[in-house]
C-alpha atoms as a PDB file:
ATOM      1  CA  UNK A   1       0.000   0.000   0.000  1.00  0.00           C
ATOM      2  CA  UNK A   2       1.499   3.267  -1.098  1.00  0.00           C
ATOM      3  CA  UNK A   3       1.805   6.068   1.400  1.00  0.00           C
ATOM      4  CA  UNK A   4       0.118   9.184   0.051  1.00  0.00           C
ATOM      5  CA  UNK A   5       1.782  12.403   1.192  1.00  0.00           C
ATOM      6  CA  UNK A   6       0.051  15.681   0.319  1.00  0.00           C
ATOM      7  CA  UNK A   7       2.063  17.910  -1.953  1.00  0.00           C
ATOM      8  CA  UNK A   8       3.257  21.092  -0.284  1.00  0.00           C
ATOM      9  CA  UNK A   9       1.680  23.917  -2.368  1.00  0.00           C
ATOM     10  CA  UNK A  10       4.859  25.949  -2.850  1.00  0.00           C
ATOM     11  CA  UNK A  11       3.876  27.240  -6.268  1.00  0.00           C
ATOM     12  CA  UNK A  12       0.321  28.186  -5.392  1.00  0.00           C
ATOM     13  CA  UNK A  13       1.431  29.892  -2.180  1.00  0.00           C
ATOM     14  CA  UNK A  14       3.966  31.960  -4.135  1.00  0.00           C
ATOM     15  CA  UNK A  15       1.344  32.853  -6.746  1.00  0.00           C
ATOM     16  CA  UNK A  16      -1.115  33.911  -4.036  1.00  0.00           C
ATOM     17  CA  UNK A  17       1.578  36.014  -2.414  1.00  0.00           C
ATOM     18  CA  UNK A  18       2.417  37.779  -5.683  1.00  0.00           C
ATOM     19  CA  UNK A  19      -1.289  38.383  -6.363  1.00  0.00           C
ATOM     20  CA  UNK A  20      -1.694  39.945  -2.919  1.00  0.00           C
ATOM     21  CA  UNK A  21       1.330  42.177  -3.416  1.00  0.00           C
ATOM     22  CA  UNK A  22       0.155  43.252  -6.862  1.00  0.00           C
ATOM     23  CA  UNK A  23      -3.292  44.121  -5.499  1.00  0.00           C
ATOM     24  CA  UNK A  24      -2.346  45.866  -2.264  1.00  0.00           C
ATOM     25  CA  UNK A  25       1.024  47.444  -3.048  1.00  0.00           C
ATOM     26  CA  UNK A  26       0.400  48.713  -6.581  1.00  0.00           C
ATOM     27  CA  UNK A  27       1.172  52.304  -5.548  1.00  0.00           C
ATOM     28  CA  UNK A  28       4.507  51.249  -4.050  1.00  0.00           C
ATOM     29  CA  UNK A  29       5.535  49.374  -7.192  1.00  0.00           C
ATOM     30  CA  UNK A  30       4.404  52.233  -9.445  1.00  0.00           C
ATOM     31  CA  UNK A  31       6.423  54.735  -7.405  1.00  0.00           C
ATOM     32  CA  UNK A  32       9.486  52.481  -7.378  1.00  0.00           C
ATOM     33  CA  UNK A  33       9.135  51.941 -11.120  1.00  0.00           C
ATOM     34  CA  UNK A  34       8.977  55.693 -11.705  1.00  0.00           C
ATOM     35  CA  UNK A  35      12.058  56.336  -9.567  1.00  0.00           C
ATOM     36  CA  UNK A  36      14.110  53.611 -11.256  1.00  0.00           C
ATOM     37  CA  UNK A  37      12.949  54.669 -14.716  1.00  0.00           C
ATOM     38  CA  UNK A  38      13.967  58.265 -13.968  1.00  0.00           C
ATOM     39  CA  UNK A  39      17.415  57.171 -12.792  1.00  0.00           C
ATOM     40  CA  UNK A  40      17.870  55.022 -15.898  1.00  0.00           C
ATOM     41  CA  UNK A  41      16.857  57.890 -18.193  1.00  0.00           C
ATOM     42  CA  UNK A  42      19.289  60.286 -16.506  1.00  0.00           C
ATOM     43  CA  UNK A  43      22.240  57.878 -16.761  1.00  0.00           C
ATOM     44  CA  UNK A  44      21.348  57.019 -20.350  1.00  0.00           C
ATOM     45  CA  UNK A  45      21.159  60.724 -21.242  1.00  0.00           C
ATOM     46  CA  UNK A  46      24.592  61.324 -19.693  1.00  0.00           C
ATOM     47  CA  UNK A  47      26.138  58.476 -21.697  1.00  0.00           C
ATOM     48  CA  UNK A  48      24.425  59.087 -25.038  1.00  0.00           C
ATOM     49  CA  UNK A  49      24.138  62.874 -25.329  1.00  0.00           C
ATOM     50  CA  UNK A  50      27.853  63.851 -25.499  1.00  0.00           C
ATOM     51  CA  UNK A  51      29.974  62.751 -28.482  1.00  0.00           C
ATOM     52  CA  UNK A  52      31.327  59.228 -28.186  1.00  0.00           C
ATOM     53  CA  UNK A  53      34.958  60.366 -27.901  1.00  0.00           C
ATOM     54  CA  UNK A  54      34.081  62.670 -24.994  1.00  0.00           C
ATOM     55  CA  UNK A  55      32.485  59.799 -23.068  1.00  0.00           C
ATOM     56  CA  UNK A  56      35.487  57.600 -23.821  1.00  0.00           C
ATOM     57  CA  UNK A  57      37.847  60.339 -22.604  1.00  0.00           C
ATOM     58  CA  UNK A  58      35.913  60.576 -19.320  1.00  0.00           C
ATOM     59  CA  UNK A  59      36.148  56.822 -18.719  1.00  0.00           C
ATOM     60  CA  UNK A  60      39.856  56.845 -19.586  1.00  0.00           C
ATOM     61  CA  UNK A  61      40.417  59.790 -17.243  1.00  0.00           C
ATOM     62  CA  UNK A  62      38.641  58.010 -14.396  1.00  0.00           C
ATOM     63  CA  UNK A  63      40.726  54.896 -15.013  1.00  0.00           C
ATOM     64  CA  UNK A  64      43.925  56.941 -14.896  1.00  0.00           C
ATOM     65  CA  UNK A  65      42.803  58.680 -11.696  1.00  0.00           C
ATOM     66  CA  UNK A  66      42.161  55.322 -10.009  1.00  0.00           C
ATOM     67  CA  UNK A  67      45.380  53.568 -11.081  1.00  0.00           C
ATOM     68  CA  UNK A  68      47.924  56.243 -12.108  1.00  0.00           C
ATOM     69  CA  UNK A  69      49.189  53.772 -14.692  1.00  0.00           C
ATOM     70  CA  UNK A  70      48.976  53.978 -18.455  1.00  0.00           C
ATOM     71  CA  UNK A  71      48.291  50.285 -19.094  1.00  0.00           C
ATOM     72  CA  UNK A  72      44.693  50.180 -17.744  1.00  0.00           C
ATOM     73  CA  UNK A  73      43.929  53.519 -19.416  1.00  0.00           C
ATOM     74  CA  UNK A  74      45.204  52.197 -22.747  1.00  0.00           C
ATOM     75  CA  UNK A  75      43.166  49.012 -22.353  1.00  0.00           C
ATOM     76  CA  UNK A  76      39.977  51.015 -21.733  1.00  0.00           C
ATOM     77  CA  UNK A  77      40.740  53.225 -24.741  1.00  0.00           C
ATOM     78  CA  UNK A  78      41.292  50.265 -27.069  1.00  0.00           C
ATOM     79  CA  UNK A  79      38.198  48.515 -25.729  1.00  0.00           C
ATOM     80  CA  UNK A  80      35.902  51.466 -26.411  1.00  0.00           C
ATOM     81  CA  UNK A  81      37.439  51.998 -29.846  1.00  0.00           C
ATOM     82  CA  UNK A  82      36.730  48.336 -30.629  1.00  0.00           C
ATOM     83  CA  UNK A  83      33.098  48.836 -29.566  1.00  0.00           C
ATOM     84  CA  UNK A  84      32.858  51.843 -31.912  1.00  0.00           C
ATOM     85  CA  UNK A  85      34.460  49.861 -34.716  1.00  0.00           C
ATOM     86  CA  UNK A  86      31.883  47.073 -34.337  1.00  0.00           C
ATOM     87  CA  UNK A  87      28.983  49.543 -34.302  1.00  0.00           C
ATOM     88  CA  UNK A  88      27.697  48.675 -30.824  1.00  0.00           C
ATOM     89  CA  UNK A  89      28.040  52.050 -29.117  1.00  0.00           C
ATOM     90  CA  UNK A  90      24.319  52.563 -28.441  1.00  0.00           C
ATOM     91  CA  UNK A  91      23.845  49.026 -27.125  1.00  0.00           C
ATOM     92  CA  UNK A  92      26.970  49.386 -24.962  1.00  0.00           C
ATOM     93  CA  UNK A  93      25.745  52.611 -23.363  1.00  0.00           C
ATOM     94  CA  UNK A  94      22.385  50.964 -22.671  1.00  0.00           C
ATOM     95  CA  UNK A  95      24.105  48.020 -20.966  1.00  0.00           C
ATOM     96  CA  UNK A  96      26.367  50.392 -19.035  1.00  0.00           C
ATOM     97  CA  UNK A  97      23.232  52.221 -17.897  1.00  0.00           C
ATOM     98  CA  UNK A  98      21.795  48.961 -16.554  1.00  0.00           C
ATOM     99  CA  UNK A  99      25.093  48.131 -14.840  1.00  0.00           C
ATOM    100  CA  UNK A 100      25.524  51.593 -13.291  1.00  0.00           C
ATOM    101  CA  UNK A 101      21.897  51.637 -12.122  1.00  0.00           C
ATOM    102  CA  UNK A 102      22.347  48.226 -10.517  1.00  0.00           C
ATOM    103  CA  UNK A 103      25.524  49.484  -8.814  1.00  0.00           C
ATOM    104  CA  UNK A 104      23.715  52.505  -7.368  1.00  0.00           C
ATOM    105  CA  UNK A 105      20.904  50.347  -5.968  1.00  0.00           C
ATOM    106  CA  UNK A 106      23.021  47.393  -4.822  1.00  0.00           C
ATOM    107  CA  UNK A 107      25.750  49.431  -3.139  1.00  0.00           C
ATOM    108  CA  UNK A 108      23.217  51.853  -1.650  1.00  0.00           C
ATOM    109  CA  UNK A 109      21.276  48.959  -0.116  1.00  0.00           C
ATOM    110  CA  UNK A 110      23.963  46.290   0.272  1.00  0.00           C
ATOM    111  CA  UNK A 111      26.627  48.280   2.142  1.00  0.00           C
ATOM    112  CA  UNK A 112      24.301  49.442   4.980  1.00  0.00           C
ATOM    113  CA  UNK A 113      22.858  45.929   5.320  1.00  0.00           C
ATOM    114  CA  UNK A 114      26.376  44.479   5.356  1.00  0.00           C
ATOM    115  CA  UNK A 115      27.394  46.897   8.121  1.00  0.00           C
ATOM    116  CA  UNK A 116      24.270  46.061  10.146  1.00  0.00           C
ATOM    117  CA  UNK A 117      24.706  42.280   9.963  1.00  0.00           C
ATOM    118  CA  UNK A 118      28.444  42.560  10.681  1.00  0.00           C
ATOM    119  CA  UNK A 119      27.580  44.155  14.022  1.00  0.00           C
ATOM    120  CA  UNK A 120      24.839  41.574  14.690  1.00  0.00           C
ATOM    121  CA  UNK A 121      26.170  38.027  14.049  1.00  0.00           C
ATOM    122  CA  UNK A 122      22.876  36.422  15.092  1.00  0.00           C
ATOM    123  CA  UNK A 123      21.026  38.525  12.531  1.00  0.00           C
ATOM    124  CA  UNK A 124      23.529  37.493   9.857  1.00  0.00           C
ATOM    125  CA  UNK A 125      22.841  33.850  10.691  1.00  0.00           C
ATOM    126  CA  UNK A 126      19.223  34.474   9.644  1.00  0.00           C
ATOM    127  CA  UNK A 127      20.117  36.612   6.632  1.00  0.00           C
ATOM    128  CA  UNK A 128      22.721  34.234   5.163  1.00  0.00           C
ATOM    129  CA  UNK A 129      20.193  31.588   3.972  1.00  0.00           C
ATOM    130  CA  UNK A 130      18.176  34.313   2.250  1.00  0.00           C
ATOM    131  CA  UNK A 131      21.304  35.484   0.447  1.00  0.00           C
ATOM    132  CA  UNK A 132      22.017  31.874  -0.568  1.00  0.00           C
ATOM    133  CA  UNK A 133      18.502  31.581  -1.994  1.00  0.00           C
ATOM    134  CA  UNK A 134      18.852  34.847  -3.928  1.00  0.00           C
ATOM    135  CA  UNK A 135      22.029  33.623  -5.615  1.00  0.00           C
ATOM    136  CA  UNK A 136      21.077  29.986  -6.231  1.00  0.00           C
ATOM    137  CA  UNK A 137      17.499  30.413  -7.433  1.00  0.00           C
ATOM    138  CA  UNK A 138      17.528  30.341 -11.261  1.00  0.00           C
ATOM    139  CA  UNK A 139      17.667  33.900 -12.521  1.00  0.00           C
ATOM    140  CA  UNK A 140      14.842  33.257 -14.996  1.00  0.00           C
ATOM    141  CA  UNK A 141      12.505  32.807 -12.011  1.00  0.00           C
ATOM    142  CA  UNK A 142      13.111  36.454 -11.027  1.00  0.00           C
ATOM    143  CA  UNK A 143      11.768  37.600 -14.380  1.00  0.00           C
ATOM    144  CA  UNK A 144       8.233  36.379 -13.635  1.00  0.00           C
ATOM    145  CA  UNK A 145       7.456  38.647 -10.640  1.00  0.00           C
ATOM    146  CA  UNK A 146       9.488  41.431 -12.248  1.00  0.00           C
ATOM    147  CA  UNK A 147       7.158  41.371 -15.264  1.00  0.00           C
ATOM    148  CA  UNK A 148       4.072  41.098 -13.037  1.00  0.00           C
ATOM    149  CA  UNK A 149       5.012  44.096 -10.889  1.00  0.00           C
ATOM    150  CA  UNK A 150       6.883  46.322 -13.372  1.00  0.00           C
ATOM    151  CA  UNK A 151       5.837  45.309 -16.883  1.00  0.00           C
ATOM    152  CA  UNK A 152       8.278  45.143 -19.791  1.00  0.00           C
ATOM    153  CA  UNK A 153      11.414  47.236 -20.243  1.00  0.00           C
ATOM    154  CA  UNK A 154      14.559  48.271 -18.424  1.00  0.00           C
ATOM    155  CA  UNK A 155      13.013  48.410 -14.947  1.00  0.00           C
ATOM    156  CA  UNK A 156      12.122  44.682 -14.631  1.00  0.00           C
ATOM    157  CA  UNK A 157      15.557  43.851 -16.033  1.00  0.00           C
ATOM    158  CA  UNK A 158      17.106  46.079 -13.365  1.00  0.00           C
ATOM    159  CA  UNK A 159      15.003  44.517 -10.603  1.00  0.00           C
ATOM    160  CA  UNK A 160      15.993  40.979 -11.626  1.00  0.00           C
ATOM    161  CA  UNK A 161      19.628  42.071 -11.797  1.00  0.00           C
ATOM    162  CA  UNK A 162      19.510  43.657  -8.339  1.00  0.00           C
ATOM    163  CA  UNK A 163      17.984  40.557  -6.743  1.00  0.00           C
ATOM    164  CA  UNK A 164      20.719  38.375  -8.237  1.00  0.00           C
ATOM    165  CA  UNK A 165      23.603  40.767  -7.509  1.00  0.00           C
ATOM    166  CA  UNK A 166      22.675  42.197  -4.084  1.00  0.00           C
ATOM    167  CA  UNK A 167      24.152  39.339  -1.979  1.00  0.00           C
ATOM    168  CA  UNK A 168      27.681  40.131  -3.225  1.00  0.00           C
ATOM    169  CA  UNK A 169      28.048  43.621  -1.662  1.00  0.00           C
ATOM    170  CA  UNK A 170      26.239  42.467   1.491  1.00  0.00           C
ATOM    171  CA  UNK A 171      28.572  39.506   2.030  1.00  0.00           C
ATOM    172  CA  UNK A 172      31.777  41.369   1.197  1.00  0.00           C
ATOM    173  CA  UNK A 173      30.872  44.385   3.327  1.00  0.00           C
ATOM    174  CA  UNK A 174      30.029  42.077   6.228  1.00  0.00           C
ATOM    175  CA  UNK A 175      33.363  40.294   5.738  1.00  0.00           C
ATOM    176  CA  UNK A 176      35.305  43.560   5.645  1.00  0.00           C
ATOM    177  CA  UNK A 177      33.680  45.053   8.740  1.00  0.00           C
ATOM    178  CA  UNK A 178      33.889  41.863  10.791  1.00  0.00           C
ATOM    179  CA  UNK A 179      37.557  41.405   9.761  1.00  0.00           C
ATOM    180  CA  UNK A 180      38.628  44.746  11.219  1.00  0.00           C
ATOM    181  CA  UNK A 181      41.654  44.022  13.467  1.00  0.00           C
ATOM    182  CA  UNK A 182      40.627  43.791  17.097  1.00  0.00           C
ATOM    183  CA  UNK A 183      43.646  45.860  18.114  1.00  0.00           C
ATOM    184  CA  UNK A 184      42.426  48.808  16.037  1.00  0.00           C
ATOM    185  CA  UNK A 185      38.938  48.596  17.514  1.00  0.00           C
ATOM    186  CA  UNK A 186      40.249  48.370  21.070  1.00  0.00           C
ATOM    187  CA  UNK A 187      42.639  51.279  20.524  1.00  0.00           C
ATOM    188  CA  UNK A 188      39.841  53.479  19.166  1.00  0.00           C
ATOM    189  CA  UNK A 189      37.574  52.543  22.067  1.00  0.00           C
ATOM    190  CA  UNK A 190      40.375  53.257  24.546  1.00  0.00           C
ATOM    191  CA  UNK A 191      40.633  56.794  23.145  1.00  0.00           C
ATOM    192  CA  UNK A 192      36.900  57.276  23.651  1.00  0.00           C
ATOM    193  CA  UNK A 193      35.620  56.769  20.093  1.00  0.00           C
ATOM    194  CA  UNK A 194      31.843  56.666  19.775  1.00  0.00           C
ATOM    195  CA  UNK A 195      30.207  53.856  17.740  1.00  0.00           C
ATOM    196  CA  UNK A 196      29.735  56.308  14.852  1.00  0.00           C
ATOM    197  CA  UNK A 197      33.391  57.382  14.979  1.00  0.00           C
ATOM    198  CA  UNK A 198      34.479  53.774  15.238  1.00  0.00           C
ATOM    199  CA  UNK A 199      32.529  52.952  12.091  1.00  0.00           C
ATOM    200  CA  UNK A 200      33.692  55.909   9.988  1.00  0.00           C
ATOM    201  CA  UNK A 201      37.267  56.228  11.249  1.00  0.00           C
ATOM    202  CA  UNK A 202      38.261  52.585  11.773  1.00  0.00           C
ATOM    203  CA  UNK A 203      35.920  49.943  10.375  1.00  0.00           C
ATOM    204  CA  UNK A 204      35.050  51.448   6.984  1.00  0.00           C
ATOM    205  CA  UNK A 205      38.679  52.378   6.103  1.00  0.00           C
ATOM    206  CA  UNK A 206      39.764  48.872   7.101  1.00  0.00           C
ATOM    207  CA  UNK A 207      36.954  47.296   5.066  1.00  0.00           C
ATOM    208  CA  UNK A 208      37.454  49.538   2.018  1.00  0.00           C
ATOM    209  CA  UNK A 209      39.277  46.888  -0.112  1.00  0.00           C
ATOM    210  CA  UNK A 210      36.484  44.383   0.505  1.00  0.00           C
ATOM    211  CA  UNK A 211      33.814  46.978  -0.242  1.00  0.00           C
ATOM    212  CA  UNK A 212      35.534  47.858  -3.523  1.00  0.00           C
ATOM    213  CA  UNK A 213      35.737  44.157  -4.316  1.00  0.00           C
ATOM    214  CA  UNK A 214      31.994  44.069  -3.709  1.00  0.00           C
ATOM    215  CA  UNK A 215      31.591  46.915  -6.203  1.00  0.00           C
ATOM    216  CA  UNK A 216      33.699  45.038  -8.735  1.00  0.00           C
ATOM    217  CA  UNK A 217      31.625  41.888  -8.254  1.00  0.00           C
ATOM    218  CA  UNK A 218      28.430  43.935  -8.540  1.00  0.00           C
ATOM    219  CA  UNK A 219      29.550  45.266 -11.907  1.00  0.00           C
ATOM    220  CA  UNK A 220      30.637  41.879 -13.228  1.00  0.00           C
ATOM    221  CA  UNK A 221      27.486  40.081 -12.100  1.00  0.00           C
ATOM    222  CA  UNK A 222      25.288  42.880 -13.452  1.00  0.00           C
ATOM    223  CA  UNK A 223      26.999  42.624 -16.821  1.00  0.00           C
ATOM    224  CA  UNK A 224      26.405  38.872 -16.809  1.00  0.00           C
ATOM    225  CA  UNK A 225      22.669  39.597 -16.566  1.00  0.00           C
ATOM    226  CA  UNK A 226      22.361  41.755 -19.700  1.00  0.00           C
ATOM    227  CA  UNK A 227      21.310  38.817 -21.879  1.00  0.00           C
ATOM    228  CA  UNK A 228      18.709  37.619 -19.369  1.00  0.00           C
ATOM    229  CA  UNK A 229      17.423  41.186 -18.895  1.00  0.00           C
ATOM    230  CA  UNK A 230      16.926  41.406 -22.665  1.00  0.00           C
ATOM    231  CA  UNK A 231      14.282  38.684 -22.369  1.00  0.00           C
ATOM    232  CA  UNK A 232      12.014  41.128 -20.508  1.00  0.00           C
ATOM    233  CA  UNK A 233      12.540  44.013 -22.902  1.00  0.00           C
ATOM    234  CA  UNK A 234      15.691  45.618 -21.476  1.00  0.00           C
ATOM    235  CA  UNK A 235      17.795  47.318 -24.136  1.00  0.00           C
ATOM    236  CA  UNK A 236      21.514  46.740 -24.483  1.00  0.00           C
ATOM    237  CA  UNK A 237      24.023  44.181 -25.651  1.00  0.00           C
ATOM    238  CA  UNK A 238      21.730  41.319 -24.693  1.00  0.00           C
ATOM    239  CA  UNK A 239      19.288  42.183 -27.478  1.00  0.00           C
ATOM    240  CA  UNK A 240      21.558  41.153 -30.395  1.00  0.00           C
ATOM    241  CA  UNK A 241      22.554  38.013 -28.484  1.00  0.00           C
ATOM    242  CA  UNK A 242      18.899  37.001 -28.092  1.00  0.00           C
ATOM    243  CA  UNK A 243      18.246  37.902 -31.731  1.00  0.00           C
ATOM    244  CA  UNK A 244      21.182  35.757 -32.812  1.00  0.00           C
ATOM    245  CA  UNK A 245      19.913  32.855 -30.707  1.00  0.00           C
ATOM    246  CA  UNK A 246      16.431  33.070 -32.209  1.00  0.00           C
ATOM    247  CA  UNK A 247      17.765  33.176 -35.774  1.00  0.00           C
ATOM    248  CA  UNK A 248      20.739  30.829 -35.181  1.00  0.00           C
ATOM    249  CA  UNK A 249      23.012  33.596 -36.478  1.00  0.00           C
ATOM    250  CA  UNK A 250      26.532  32.505 -35.506  1.00  0.00           C
ATOM    251  CA  UNK A 251      28.227  35.665 -36.763  1.00  0.00           C
ATOM    252  CA  UNK A 252      25.915  38.030 -34.868  1.00  0.00           C
ATOM    253  CA  UNK A 253      26.051  35.924 -31.721  1.00  0.00           C
ATOM    254  CA  UNK A 254      29.847  35.752 -31.628  1.00  0.00           C
ATOM    255  CA  UNK A 255      30.197  39.434 -32.537  1.00  0.00           C
ATOM    256  CA  UNK A 256      27.833  40.732 -29.827  1.00  0.00           C
ATOM    257  CA  UNK A 257      29.084  38.199 -27.299  1.00  0.00           C
ATOM    258  CA  UNK A 258      32.680  39.264 -27.875  1.00  0.00           C
ATOM    259  CA  UNK A 259      31.697  42.909 -27.345  1.00  0.00           C
ATOM    260  CA  UNK A 260      30.204  41.922 -23.968  1.00  0.00           C
ATOM    261  CA  UNK A 261      33.491  40.221 -23.057  1.00  0.00           C
ATOM    262  CA  UNK A 262      35.477  43.324 -24.049  1.00  0.00           C
ATOM    263  CA  UNK A 263      33.231  45.580 -21.941  1.00  0.00           C
ATOM    264  CA  UNK A 264      33.552  43.200 -18.978  1.00  0.00           C
ATOM    265  CA  UNK A 265      37.353  43.188 -19.231  1.00  0.00           C
ATOM    266  CA  UNK A 266      37.442  46.996 -19.447  1.00  0.00           C
ATOM    267  CA  UNK A 267      35.270  47.462 -16.372  1.00  0.00           C
ATOM    268  CA  UNK A 268      37.151  44.823 -14.405  1.00  0.00           C
ATOM    269  CA  UNK A 269      40.578  46.327 -15.107  1.00  0.00           C
ATOM    270  CA  UNK A 270      39.370  49.896 -14.611  1.00  0.00           C
ATOM    271  CA  UNK A 271      37.858  49.232 -11.169  1.00  0.00           C
ATOM    272  CA  UNK A 272      40.184  46.576  -9.811  1.00  0.00           C
ATOM    273  CA  UNK A 273      41.688  47.860  -6.556  1.00  0.00           C
ATOM    274  CA  UNK A 274      44.940  46.451  -5.243  1.00  0.00           C
ATOM    275  CA  UNK A 275      44.940  45.475  -1.607  1.00  0.00           C
ATOM    276  CA  UNK A 276      47.384  47.534   0.334  1.00  0.00           C
END
């Protein structure tokens, strides 16, 4: 005799939860959509309005300011010139807009959460499984509620990207803050430092390399989502990749995919911070 065990209604419970959110929090989602759309439009205007060479010069200048070495600056220059040569400037700026928007949201949310859980180990023990779920759940699953709540376009692509990327800055910020040398903390406390002074004068400077690594990981993971974001109407370098997949166009797929690789290498080298 077979033992009949009722199926746990995971799917139906999730669907009911999304329906409730869509019904009762429509104003919240509409406001969030408007804010994110406005930020995307501003960043896109900044990247697309000036001449291409001016934008390239700004990125090269920022790379030089961060590294004070000519090799990374030359790499960024050659990378952008390759993008221009291949005719993917507009798509590249759209993908950069998605990446920069994700960085603003993820670092703005992830760093404070990372600081909070670093000071509360028991809270981090509860948060860690949620972060594991956010990174291990198939990214295509995020697209369903993103479409339900935000429709089609750049905003749902950004939301899906943020959900996938957010654990990286949280974990690395928590690691950096919790790894602050005990001797530094005790010395600051001995001199009468307040918790706020301890955070700003000791913990954050000590954790800065890890936080910058979190920024680097945020950028790389966001760029890895451009193709998936294209499935929900997000513009950028993912669009020609999806088009090539649908038409089995090897030339277009390799061309657009190689441009994505070049952009990823540029951003990685430009923002890589050496640990002191």
